[in-house]
């Protein structure tokens, strides 16, 4: 059996934010890649939490997220 020399290709992204408590939010972003040779999938995830008054502290990748999912509401 040969060992695959992975050649990762971008597949898709998923990102959202949700309320994670009374005054806090969680931001989540995942990039999905697959190997052209063996079709193995790899996920690169980012997550950031902050309070509503600290939205100026969120990283650039989280500022573009507009999709909201159900959280603590």
C-alpha atoms as a PDB file:
ATOM      1  CA  UNK A   1       0.000   0.000   0.000  1.00  0.00           C
ATOM      2  CA  UNK A   2       1.397   3.363  -1.018  1.00  0.00           C
ATOM      3  CA  UNK A   3       1.438   6.348   1.291  1.00  0.00           C
ATOM      4  CA  UNK A   4      -0.442   9.260  -0.240  1.00  0.00           C
ATOM      5  CA  UNK A   5       1.441  12.480  -0.920  1.00  0.00           C
ATOM      6  CA  UNK A   6      -1.440  14.792  -0.190  1.00  0.00           C
ATOM      7  CA  UNK A   7      -2.271  17.548  -2.614  1.00  0.00           C
ATOM      8  CA  UNK A   8      -4.862  19.635  -0.734  1.00  0.00           C
ATOM      9  CA  UNK A   9      -7.513  21.484  -2.729  1.00  0.00           C
ATOM     10  CA  UNK A  10      -9.974  23.998  -1.274  1.00  0.00           C
ATOM     11  CA  UNK A  11     -13.516  22.642  -1.102  1.00  0.00           C
ATOM     12  CA  UNK A  12     -15.812  24.984   0.860  1.00  0.00           C
ATOM     13  CA  UNK A  13     -16.180  27.275   3.871  1.00  0.00           C
ATOM     14  CA  UNK A  14     -18.654  27.550   6.695  1.00  0.00           C
ATOM     15  CA  UNK A  15     -18.912  30.480   9.068  1.00  0.00           C
ATOM     16  CA  UNK A  16     -21.453  31.745  11.556  1.00  0.00           C
ATOM     17  CA  UNK A  17     -21.906  33.515  14.869  1.00  0.00           C
ATOM     18  CA  UNK A  18     -24.207  32.811  17.793  1.00  0.00           C
ATOM     19  CA  UNK A  19     -25.026  34.135  21.212  1.00  0.00           C
ATOM     20  CA  UNK A  20     -23.032  32.160  23.769  1.00  0.00           C
ATOM     21  CA  UNK A  21     -24.477  33.670  26.904  1.00  0.00           C
ATOM     22  CA  UNK A  22     -26.210  36.766  28.109  1.00  0.00           C
ATOM     23  CA  UNK A  23     -23.755  39.271  26.655  1.00  0.00           C
ATOM     24  CA  UNK A  24     -21.301  37.231  24.630  1.00  0.00           C
ATOM     25  CA  UNK A  25     -20.949  35.891  21.107  1.00  0.00           C
ATOM     26  CA  UNK A  26     -19.004  33.052  19.502  1.00  0.00           C
ATOM     27  CA  UNK A  27     -17.624  33.443  15.987  1.00  0.00           C
ATOM     28  CA  UNK A  28     -16.769  30.289  14.047  1.00  0.00           C
ATOM     29  CA  UNK A  29     -15.123  29.748  10.658  1.00  0.00           C
ATOM     30  CA  UNK A  30     -14.073  26.476   9.019  1.00  0.00           C
ATOM     31  CA  UNK A  31     -12.306  25.880   5.701  1.00  0.00           C
ATOM     32  CA  UNK A  32     -12.630  22.413   4.179  1.00  0.00           C
ATOM     33  CA  UNK A  33      -9.954  20.883   1.958  1.00  0.00           C
ATOM     34  CA  UNK A  34      -9.722  17.514   0.246  1.00  0.00           C
ATOM     35  CA  UNK A  35      -6.821  15.538  -1.177  1.00  0.00           C
ATOM     36  CA  UNK A  36      -6.986  15.048  -4.941  1.00  0.00           C
ATOM     37  CA  UNK A  37      -5.280  11.675  -4.692  1.00  0.00           C
ATOM     38  CA  UNK A  38      -6.994   9.848  -1.826  1.00  0.00           C
ATOM     39  CA  UNK A  39     -10.077  12.082  -1.221  1.00  0.00           C
ATOM     40  CA  UNK A  40      -9.269  12.501   2.469  1.00  0.00           C
ATOM     41  CA  UNK A  41     -10.856  15.623   3.959  1.00  0.00           C
ATOM     42  CA  UNK A  42      -9.153  18.126   6.249  1.00  0.00           C
ATOM     43  CA  UNK A  43     -10.793  20.933   8.257  1.00  0.00           C
ATOM     44  CA  UNK A  44      -9.072  24.123   9.440  1.00  0.00           C
ATOM     45  CA  UNK A  45     -11.155  25.783  12.165  1.00  0.00           C
ATOM     46  CA  UNK A  46     -11.069  29.187  13.834  1.00  0.00           C
ATOM     47  CA  UNK A  47     -13.146  30.274  16.809  1.00  0.00           C
ATOM     48  CA  UNK A  48     -13.317  33.506  18.771  1.00  0.00           C
ATOM     49  CA  UNK A  49     -15.499  34.547  21.723  1.00  0.00           C
ATOM     50  CA  UNK A  50     -16.125  38.059  22.952  1.00  0.00           C
ATOM     51  CA  UNK A  51     -18.573  40.141  24.946  1.00  0.00           C
ATOM     52  CA  UNK A  52     -20.925  42.531  23.148  1.00  0.00           C
ATOM     53  CA  UNK A  53     -18.975  45.541  24.431  1.00  0.00           C
ATOM     54  CA  UNK A  54     -15.712  44.134  23.073  1.00  0.00           C
ATOM     55  CA  UNK A  55     -16.638  43.768  19.413  1.00  0.00           C
ATOM     56  CA  UNK A  56     -13.739  46.058  18.542  1.00  0.00           C
ATOM     57  CA  UNK A  57     -11.415  43.217  19.650  1.00  0.00           C
ATOM     58  CA  UNK A  58     -12.630  40.627  17.147  1.00  0.00           C
ATOM     59  CA  UNK A  59     -10.183  39.556  14.409  1.00  0.00           C
ATOM     60  CA  UNK A  60     -10.633  40.576  10.782  1.00  0.00           C
ATOM     61  CA  UNK A  61     -11.895  37.151   9.676  1.00  0.00           C
ATOM     62  CA  UNK A  62     -14.765  37.362  12.203  1.00  0.00           C
ATOM     63  CA  UNK A  63     -15.878  40.854  11.168  1.00  0.00           C
ATOM     64  CA  UNK A  64     -17.217  39.563   7.851  1.00  0.00           C
ATOM     65  CA  UNK A  65     -19.494  36.899   9.392  1.00  0.00           C
ATOM     66  CA  UNK A  66     -23.179  37.778   9.060  1.00  0.00           C
ATOM     67  CA  UNK A  67     -24.832  34.328   9.282  1.00  0.00           C
ATOM     68  CA  UNK A  68     -26.423  33.809  12.697  1.00  0.00           C
ATOM     69  CA  UNK A  69     -27.375  30.419  14.103  1.00  0.00           C
ATOM     70  CA  UNK A  70     -29.463  29.624  17.154  1.00  0.00           C
ATOM     71  CA  UNK A  71     -27.675  30.002  20.459  1.00  0.00           C
ATOM     72  CA  UNK A  72     -28.720  31.078  23.921  1.00  0.00           C
ATOM     73  CA  UNK A  73     -31.624  33.416  23.244  1.00  0.00           C
END
